[in-house]
Amino acid sequence: CCPTTGRRLQSSRLGPSPPKLLTEEEYRLQGEVETRKALEELRSFCQSPDFSAWTAVSRIQSPKRFADFVGGASHVTPNEVSVHEREYGLDSLFIDEQLFEEDDEEEEEIDN
């Protein structure tokens, strides 16, 4: 009959194709996009009439910071960004590499 029908049957017999793996850059970008989207959804919900602001404020440690966030401020402080960069940024990768290199050298010395 039609050539496309045969292709559909053949591809369904092979099963689903494996998902495309993301590059590190695509992964980082997708994380940023999805985080921004989720934060906007949270802000929007917190501004809706269905949200019980008093209940939320009574349960959180920093009500002013939360109010600032709902008003559009960043969800992280500059200090938190700095700590994150120190722990997970390029500097930490360099330090991790140095630590692993030292471990490898010590193992080589033990083996000899």
C-alpha atoms as a PDB file:
ATOM      1  CA  CYS A   1       0.000   0.000   0.000  1.00  0.00           C
ATOM      2  CA  CYS A   2       1.871   3.092   1.170  1.00  0.00           C
ATOM      3  CA  PRO A   3       5.589   3.252   1.898  1.00  0.00           C
ATOM      4  CA  THR A   4       5.156   5.111   5.230  1.00  0.00           C
ATOM      5  CA  THR A   5       3.067   2.313   6.771  1.00  0.00           C
ATOM      6  CA  GLY A   6       5.936  -0.145   6.395  1.00  0.00           C
ATOM      7  CA  ARG A   7       8.346   2.274   8.085  1.00  0.00           C
ATOM      8  CA  ARG A   8       5.976   2.793  11.001  1.00  0.00           C
ATOM      9  CA  LEU A   9       5.647  -0.943  11.559  1.00  0.00           C
ATOM     10  CA  GLN A  10       9.388  -1.451  11.324  1.00  0.00           C
ATOM     11  CA  SER A  11      10.198   1.327  13.782  1.00  0.00           C
ATOM     12  CA  SER A  12       7.567   0.133  16.276  1.00  0.00           C
ATOM     13  CA  ARG A  13       9.096  -3.367  16.230  1.00  0.00           C
ATOM     14  CA  LEU A  14      12.518  -1.960  17.043  1.00  0.00           C
ATOM     15  CA  GLY A  15      11.166  -0.226  20.125  1.00  0.00           C
ATOM     16  CA  PRO A  16      11.685   3.353  21.204  1.00  0.00           C
ATOM     17  CA  SER A  17      14.954   4.945  20.300  1.00  0.00           C
ATOM     18  CA  PRO A  18      17.228   5.810  23.224  1.00  0.00           C
ATOM     19  CA  PRO A  19      16.934   9.389  24.471  1.00  0.00           C
ATOM     20  CA  LYS A  20      19.461  11.891  23.203  1.00  0.00           C
ATOM     21  CA  LEU A  21      22.023  12.619  25.888  1.00  0.00           C
ATOM     22  CA  LEU A  22      22.663  16.271  26.668  1.00  0.00           C
ATOM     23  CA  THR A  23      26.049  17.905  26.513  1.00  0.00           C
ATOM     24  CA  GLU A  24      27.263  19.550  29.707  1.00  0.00           C
ATOM     25  CA  GLU A  25      26.386  22.979  28.259  1.00  0.00           C
ATOM     26  CA  GLU A  26      22.874  21.829  27.206  1.00  0.00           C
ATOM     27  CA  TYR A  27      22.338  20.354  30.682  1.00  0.00           C
ATOM     28  CA  ARG A  28      23.413  23.598  32.396  1.00  0.00           C
ATOM     29  CA  LEU A  29      21.249  25.698  30.080  1.00  0.00           C
ATOM     30  CA  GLN A  30      18.214  23.459  30.560  1.00  0.00           C
ATOM     31  CA  GLY A  31      18.704  23.671  34.333  1.00  0.00           C
ATOM     32  CA  GLU A  32      18.774  27.476  34.220  1.00  0.00           C
ATOM     33  CA  VAL A  33      15.701  27.691  31.971  1.00  0.00           C
ATOM     34  CA  GLU A  34      13.666  25.231  34.049  1.00  0.00           C
ATOM     35  CA  THR A  35      14.702  26.881  37.330  1.00  0.00           C
ATOM     36  CA  ARG A  36      13.657  30.319  36.073  1.00  0.00           C
ATOM     37  CA  LYS A  37      10.342  28.893  34.855  1.00  0.00           C
ATOM     38  CA  ALA A  38       9.661  27.143  38.185  1.00  0.00           C
ATOM     39  CA  LEU A  39      10.543  30.281  40.186  1.00  0.00           C
ATOM     40  CA  GLU A  40       8.134  32.343  38.079  1.00  0.00           C
ATOM     41  CA  GLU A  41       5.400  29.742  38.619  1.00  0.00           C
ATOM     42  CA  LEU A  42       6.064  29.872  42.369  1.00  0.00           C
ATOM     43  CA  ARG A  43       5.931  33.684  42.385  1.00  0.00           C
ATOM     44  CA  SER A  44       2.697  33.610  40.416  1.00  0.00           C
ATOM     45  CA  PHE A  45       1.118  31.102  42.793  1.00  0.00           C
ATOM     46  CA  CYS A  46       2.238  33.100  45.838  1.00  0.00           C
ATOM     47  CA  GLN A  47       0.502  36.159  44.382  1.00  0.00           C
ATOM     48  CA  SER A  48      -2.756  34.310  43.678  1.00  0.00           C
ATOM     49  CA  PRO A  49      -5.839  34.470  45.917  1.00  0.00           C
ATOM     50  CA  ASP A  50      -5.522  30.704  46.560  1.00  0.00           C
ATOM     51  CA  PHE A  51      -2.260  31.226  48.427  1.00  0.00           C
ATOM     52  CA  SER A  52      -2.447  31.659  52.209  1.00  0.00           C
ATOM     53  CA  ALA A  53       0.299  34.223  52.784  1.00  0.00           C
ATOM     54  CA  TRP A  54      -0.145  34.321  56.558  1.00  0.00           C
ATOM     55  CA  THR A  55       0.179  30.559  56.864  1.00  0.00           C
ATOM     56  CA  ALA A  56       3.334  30.552  54.754  1.00  0.00           C
ATOM     57  CA  VAL A  57       4.915  33.529  56.526  1.00  0.00           C
ATOM     58  CA  SER A  58       4.277  31.966  59.930  1.00  0.00           C
ATOM     59  CA  ARG A  59       6.247  28.871  58.877  1.00  0.00           C
ATOM     60  CA  ILE A  60       9.333  30.371  57.227  1.00  0.00           C
ATOM     61  CA  GLN A  61      12.544  31.649  58.778  1.00  0.00           C
ATOM     62  CA  SER A  62      12.881  34.859  56.739  1.00  0.00           C
ATOM     63  CA  PRO A  63       9.487  36.405  55.971  1.00  0.00           C
ATOM     64  CA  LYS A  64      11.045  39.607  54.562  1.00  0.00           C
ATOM     65  CA  ARG A  65      13.270  37.656  52.201  1.00  0.00           C
ATOM     66  CA  PHE A  66      10.246  35.632  51.061  1.00  0.00           C
ATOM     67  CA  ALA A  67       8.222  38.801  50.474  1.00  0.00           C
ATOM     68  CA  ASP A  68      11.121  40.252  48.480  1.00  0.00           C
ATOM     69  CA  PHE A  69      11.251  37.071  46.379  1.00  0.00           C
ATOM     70  CA  VAL A  70       7.511  37.193  45.664  1.00  0.00           C
ATOM     71  CA  GLY A  71       7.985  40.844  44.691  1.00  0.00           C
ATOM     72  CA  GLY A  72      10.624  39.866  42.113  1.00  0.00           C
ATOM     73  CA  ALA A  73      13.931  39.766  44.016  1.00  0.00           C
ATOM     74  CA  SER A  74      16.427  36.966  43.536  1.00  0.00           C
ATOM     75  CA  HIS A  75      15.865  33.691  45.386  1.00  0.00           C
ATOM     76  CA  VAL A  76      19.526  33.608  46.466  1.00  0.00           C
ATOM     77  CA  THR A  77      21.682  36.181  48.229  1.00  0.00           C
ATOM     78  CA  PRO A  78      25.064  37.333  46.888  1.00  0.00           C
ATOM     79  CA  ASN A  79      26.708  35.493  49.796  1.00  0.00           C
ATOM     80  CA  GLU A  80      24.944  32.240  48.836  1.00  0.00           C
ATOM     81  CA  VAL A  81      26.127  32.672  45.239  1.00  0.00           C
ATOM     82  CA  SER A  82      29.688  33.180  46.479  1.00  0.00           C
ATOM     83  CA  VAL A  83      29.581  30.078  48.693  1.00  0.00           C
ATOM     84  CA  HIS A  84      28.113  28.022  45.828  1.00  0.00           C
ATOM     85  CA  GLU A  85      30.813  29.208  43.432  1.00  0.00           C
ATOM     86  CA  ARG A  86      33.487  28.318  45.965  1.00  0.00           C
ATOM     87  CA  GLU A  87      32.057  24.848  46.536  1.00  0.00           C
ATOM     88  CA  TYR A  88      30.885  23.958  43.029  1.00  0.00           C
ATOM     89  CA  GLY A  89      32.462  26.484  40.662  1.00  0.00           C
ATOM     90  CA  LEU A  90      35.614  26.258  38.578  1.00  0.00           C
ATOM     91  CA  ASP A  91      37.807  26.840  41.630  1.00  0.00           C
ATOM     92  CA  SER A  92      36.431  23.721  43.325  1.00  0.00           C
ATOM     93  CA  LEU A  93      37.012  21.669  40.156  1.00  0.00           C
ATOM     94  CA  PHE A  94      40.649  22.759  40.165  1.00  0.00           C
ATOM     95  CA  ILE A  95      41.010  21.846  43.846  1.00  0.00           C
ATOM     96  CA  ASP A  96      39.302  18.456  43.259  1.00  0.00           C
ATOM     97  CA  GLU A  97      41.687  17.729  40.392  1.00  0.00           C
ATOM     98  CA  GLN A  98      44.666  18.544  42.608  1.00  0.00           C
ATOM     99  CA  LEU A  99      43.357  16.295  45.390  1.00  0.00           C
ATOM    100  CA  PHE A 100      42.802  13.383  43.005  1.00  0.00           C
ATOM    101  CA  GLU A 101      46.240  13.866  41.470  1.00  0.00           C
ATOM    102  CA  GLU A 102      47.798  13.731  44.959  1.00  0.00           C
ATOM    103  CA  ASP A 103      45.803  10.561  45.756  1.00  0.00           C
ATOM    104  CA  ASP A 104      46.994   8.952  42.498  1.00  0.00           C
ATOM    105  CA  GLU A 105      50.621   9.836  43.278  1.00  0.00           C
ATOM    106  CA  GLU A 106      50.328   8.362  46.791  1.00  0.00           C
ATOM    107  CA  GLU A 107      48.829   5.129  45.396  1.00  0.00           C
ATOM    108  CA  GLU A 108      51.686   4.851  42.872  1.00  0.00           C
ATOM    109  CA  GLU A 109      54.239   5.248  45.681  1.00  0.00           C
ATOM    110  CA  ILE A 110      52.508   2.550  47.750  1.00  0.00           C
ATOM    111  CA  ASP A 111      52.392   0.161  44.777  1.00  0.00           C
ATOM    112  CA  ASN A 112      56.146   0.548  44.129  1.00  0.00           C
END
